[in-house]
Protein backbone atom coordinates (compact mmCIF):
# COMPACT_ATOMS: atom_id res chain seq x y z
CA MET A 1 117.73 71.45 98.45
CA THR A 2 115.93 69.16 100.85
CA GLN A 3 112.36 68.01 100.36
CA GLY A 4 111.17 70.44 103.04
CA GLN A 5 112.81 73.35 101.26
CA TRP A 6 111.20 72.34 97.97
CA TRP A 7 107.79 72.28 99.62
CA GLU A 8 108.40 75.70 101.12
CA MET A 9 109.28 77.13 97.71
CA ILE A 10 106.13 75.56 96.25
CA PHE A 11 103.98 77.16 98.95
CA VAL A 12 105.65 80.53 98.40
CA ALA A 13 105.04 80.33 94.64
CA ALA A 14 101.40 79.30 95.22
CA THR A 15 100.95 82.24 97.61
CA PHE A 16 102.31 84.63 95.00
CA VAL A 17 99.96 83.23 92.35
CA VAL A 18 96.89 83.43 94.61
CA LEU A 19 97.52 87.02 95.72
CA THR A 20 98.45 88.21 92.23
CA ALA A 21 95.43 86.56 90.62
CA TYR A 22 93.05 88.09 93.16
CA HIS A 23 94.43 91.60 92.78
CA LEU A 24 94.32 91.38 88.98
CA TYR A 25 90.68 90.31 89.25
CA TRP A 26 89.98 93.16 91.68
CA LEU A 27 91.58 95.75 89.39
CA HIS A 28 89.57 94.37 86.47
CA GLN A 29 86.38 94.79 88.50
CA VAL A 30 87.33 98.33 89.49
CA LYS A 31 87.86 99.21 85.84
CA ARG A 32 84.89 97.39 84.30
CA GLN A 33 82.27 97.44 87.07
CA PRO A 34 83.40 100.14 89.51
CA LEU A 35 80.07 100.49 91.31
CA ARG A 36 80.27 96.84 92.36
CA THR A 37 83.45 97.58 94.32
CA TYR A 38 83.85 99.77 97.37
CA LEU A 39 86.84 101.49 95.77
CA GLY A 40 84.69 102.51 92.81
CA ILE A 41 81.76 103.63 94.96
CA THR A 42 83.93 105.71 97.28
CA LYS A 43 85.67 107.31 94.30
CA HIS A 44 82.25 108.28 92.93
CA LEU A 45 81.10 109.61 96.31
CA ARG A 46 84.30 111.60 96.87
CA ARG A 47 83.72 113.34 93.56
CA MET A 48 80.18 114.24 94.68
CA TRP A 49 81.50 115.37 98.08
CA VAL A 50 84.07 117.72 96.52
CA GLU A 51 81.43 119.21 94.24
CA SER A 52 79.10 119.77 97.20
CA ILE A 53 81.84 121.32 99.36
CA MET A 54 83.09 123.73 96.68
CA LYS A 55 79.69 124.85 95.45
CA GLU A 56 78.12 125.30 98.89
CA ARG A 57 81.31 126.74 100.47
CA ARG A 58 81.34 124.36 103.44
CA ASP A 59 84.99 125.07 104.19
CA ILE A 60 85.02 123.99 107.85
CA LEU A 61 83.59 120.57 107.03
CA ALA A 62 86.22 120.09 104.31
CA VAL A 63 89.12 121.02 106.62
CA GLN A 64 87.87 118.77 109.44
CA THR A 65 87.36 115.79 107.13
CA LEU A 66 90.77 116.18 105.49
CA ARG A 67 92.40 116.66 108.90
CA ASN A 68 91.01 113.30 110.03
CA TRP A 69 92.40 111.64 106.90
CA ILE A 70 95.81 113.24 107.43
CA MET A 71 95.91 112.20 111.10
CA ALA A 72 95.07 108.60 110.23
CA ALA A 73 97.67 108.50 107.42
CA SER A 74 100.30 110.08 109.72
CA PHE A 75 99.67 107.48 112.43
CA LEU A 76 99.90 104.59 109.95
CA ALA A 77 103.04 106.03 108.31
CA SER A 78 104.71 106.38 111.72
CA THR A 79 103.69 102.83 112.63
CA ALA A 80 105.08 101.45 109.38
CA MET A 81 108.39 103.28 109.89
CA LEU A 82 108.73 102.07 113.50
CA ILE A 83 108.11 98.47 112.43
CA SER A 84 110.61 98.82 109.58
CA LEU A 85 113.31 100.25 111.84
CA GLY A 86 112.67 97.54 114.42
CA LEU A 87 113.04 94.84 111.78
CA LEU A 88 116.18 96.49 110.42
CA GLY A 89 117.62 96.48 113.92
CA LEU A 90 117.00 92.74 114.06
CA LEU A 91 118.37 92.24 110.55
CA PHE A 92 121.63 94.08 111.17
CA ARG A 93 122.49 92.67 114.55
CA THR A 94 126.18 91.84 114.75
CA GLU A 95 125.75 88.11 114.34
CA HIS A 96 123.44 88.62 111.33
CA ALA A 97 125.08 91.51 109.53
CA THR A 98 128.31 89.62 108.94
CA ASP A 99 126.43 86.77 107.25
CA LEU A 100 123.96 88.81 105.20
CA PRO A 101 124.93 88.78 101.49
CA PHE A 102 124.22 92.01 99.64
CA ASP A 103 124.34 90.34 96.23
CA ILE A 104 120.78 89.38 95.21
CA LEU A 105 122.04 86.16 93.54
CA GLN A 106 123.83 85.10 96.72
CA ILE A 107 120.72 85.71 98.78
CA PHE A 108 118.72 83.13 96.84
CA SER A 109 121.60 80.69 96.55
CA ARG A 110 122.30 80.56 100.29
CA LEU A 111 119.17 79.03 101.74
CA ARG A 112 120.53 79.08 105.26
CA MET A 113 119.90 82.83 105.09
CA LEU A 114 116.23 82.33 104.26
CA LEU A 115 115.11 83.72 107.63
CA LEU A 116 116.90 87.00 106.96
CA VAL A 117 115.36 87.12 103.47
CA LYS A 118 111.91 86.82 105.07
CA VAL A 119 112.68 89.67 107.46
CA LEU A 120 114.07 91.78 104.62
CA LEU A 121 110.86 91.23 102.63
CA LEU A 122 108.85 92.37 105.65
CA VAL A 123 111.00 95.51 105.86
CA LEU A 124 110.30 96.27 102.19
CA HIS A 125 106.56 95.87 102.75
CA PHE A 126 106.49 98.37 105.58
CA PHE A 127 108.79 100.82 103.79
CA PHE A 128 106.35 100.68 100.87
CA ALA A 129 103.49 101.35 103.30
CA PHE A 130 105.38 104.32 104.77
CA PHE A 131 105.96 105.96 101.39
CA SER A 132 102.37 105.29 100.32
CA PHE A 133 100.94 106.99 103.40
CA THR A 134 103.31 109.96 103.12
CA LEU A 135 102.25 110.43 99.48
CA ALA A 136 98.63 110.27 100.60
CA ILE A 137 99.32 113.03 103.14
CA ARG A 138 100.95 115.10 100.39
CA TYR A 139 97.86 114.92 98.17
CA PHE A 140 95.48 115.57 101.09
CA ASN A 141 97.46 118.71 101.94
CA HIS A 142 97.16 119.89 98.35
CA VAL A 143 93.40 119.35 98.47
CA ASN A 144 93.24 121.35 101.70
CA PHE A 145 94.20 124.48 99.75
CA MET A 146 92.43 123.72 96.49
CA ILE A 147 89.04 122.90 97.95
CA ASN A 148 88.84 126.28 99.73
CA VAL A 149 89.54 128.34 96.60
CA PRO A 150 86.32 129.88 95.19
CA LEU A 151 85.48 128.49 91.76
CA GLU A 152 85.27 131.95 90.24
CA CYS A 153 88.88 132.76 91.19
CA ASP A 154 90.49 130.46 88.65
CA PRO A 155 88.71 128.86 85.67
CA MET A 156 91.39 126.15 85.54
CA LEU A 157 90.45 124.97 89.05
CA ASN A 158 87.23 122.96 88.96
CA THR A 159 85.59 120.29 91.06
CA ALA A 160 86.71 117.45 88.77
CA TYR A 161 90.37 118.46 89.11
CA VAL A 162 90.20 118.67 92.91
CA ALA A 163 88.35 115.35 93.08
CA ASN A 164 91.07 113.70 90.98
CA ILE A 165 93.77 114.94 93.38
CA LEU A 166 91.74 113.67 96.33
CA ASN A 167 91.30 110.29 94.67
CA LEU A 168 95.05 110.07 94.03
CA GLY A 169 95.61 110.52 97.74
CA ASN A 170 93.07 107.83 98.48
CA ILE A 171 94.76 105.43 96.05
CA HIS A 172 98.06 105.83 97.91
CA TYR A 173 96.20 105.37 101.22
CA THR A 174 94.69 102.14 99.86
CA LEU A 175 98.12 100.92 98.72
CA GLY A 176 99.51 101.58 102.19
CA MET A 177 96.72 99.60 103.84
CA ARG A 178 97.21 96.80 101.30
CA ALA A 179 100.90 96.65 102.26
CA PHE A 180 99.90 96.20 105.92
CA TYR A 181 97.55 93.35 104.99
CA LEU A 182 100.13 91.58 102.84
CA GLY A 183 102.78 92.17 105.50
CA ALA A 184 100.75 89.91 107.78
CA VAL A 185 100.95 87.17 105.13
CA VAL A 186 104.73 87.58 104.87
CA ALA A 187 105.00 87.47 108.68
CA LEU A 188 103.30 84.06 108.63
CA TRP A 189 106.12 82.89 106.34
CA LEU A 190 108.38 83.04 109.39
CA PHE A 191 106.47 80.01 110.71
CA GLY A 192 106.64 78.10 107.42
CA GLY A 193 105.46 78.13 103.82
CA GLU A 194 102.21 76.31 104.62
CA TRP A 195 101.31 79.01 107.14
CA MET A 196 101.99 81.67 104.52
CA PHE A 197 99.78 79.92 101.96
CA ALA A 198 96.95 79.44 104.48
CA GLY A 199 97.25 83.11 105.47
CA ALA A 200 97.07 84.13 101.80
CA LEU A 201 93.86 82.15 101.27
CA LEU A 202 92.29 83.67 104.40
CA THR A 203 93.44 87.15 103.36
CA VAL A 204 91.90 86.77 99.90
CA ILE A 205 88.57 85.71 101.43
CA ILE A 206 88.57 88.70 103.79
CA LEU A 207 89.70 91.15 101.10
CA TYR A 208 87.02 89.93 98.70
CA ARG A 209 84.33 90.71 101.27
CA GLN A 210 85.91 94.08 101.98
CA ASP A 211 86.55 95.05 98.33
CA HIS A 212 83.26 93.98 96.75
CA CYS A 213 79.79 95.14 97.64
CA CYS A 214 76.45 93.49 97.06
CA ALA A 215 74.48 96.74 96.86
CA GLU A 216 72.53 95.78 93.76
CA ASP A 217 69.94 98.48 94.48
CA TYR A 218 72.64 101.15 94.52
CA VAL A 219 74.07 99.89 91.25
CA GLY A 220 70.63 99.81 89.68
CA GLU A 221 69.68 103.29 90.81
CA CYS A 222 73.03 104.81 89.81
CA PRO A 223 73.63 103.88 86.17
CA LEU A 224 77.13 104.32 84.81
CA THR A 225 77.88 107.84 83.66
CA GLU A 226 80.47 108.70 81.05
CA GLU A 227 83.26 108.74 83.64
CA TRP A 228 82.53 105.10 84.59
CA LYS A 229 82.14 103.60 81.15
CA PRO A 230 85.12 101.51 80.00
């Protein structure tokens, strides 16, 4: 390996460490201090929304809101699949397909194929986004039926159960969006390891501002209930 290749590997490893460390910190915050993160606040508010919809029988509002979620997830799933197929078309062009090793050990031992490895990693990111958004649509469709069932029809169906299904859909939606964000970091790898590392640092800064809230008043006025306590 040349010195330039060593530096690229160092930048790739540093990018992996930075992104992994941030997401572990974020998950710890979601678990320990959920109302200081937007994921925790929206989970809490979705539970309240489901309870309001089912008790007050606001069926039209529920269907319209879920329809908007499904439309957004469908658009993003289609976009992810189109990008994946476009990248696969590039990856399996005649001059590339004959050189692409399908043995994982050969892929990492043949550094002249590093460009194709980068493209393959991008494909995996967008395939992951596609499956995440389709799973989100699946859960939203389930909620569409559950949320319109009167509470007195089935004692097993309650607001907490429906809210949990809705939150599962939102988790998959969040994972799909996260795959899009990290796909941008991988795309910068095409220009070099230093670009990838710089993109990872910028992404972490942006994600921190998007994932964490500074609504101290909200946290103070909404003390942790049993469902939030670790």
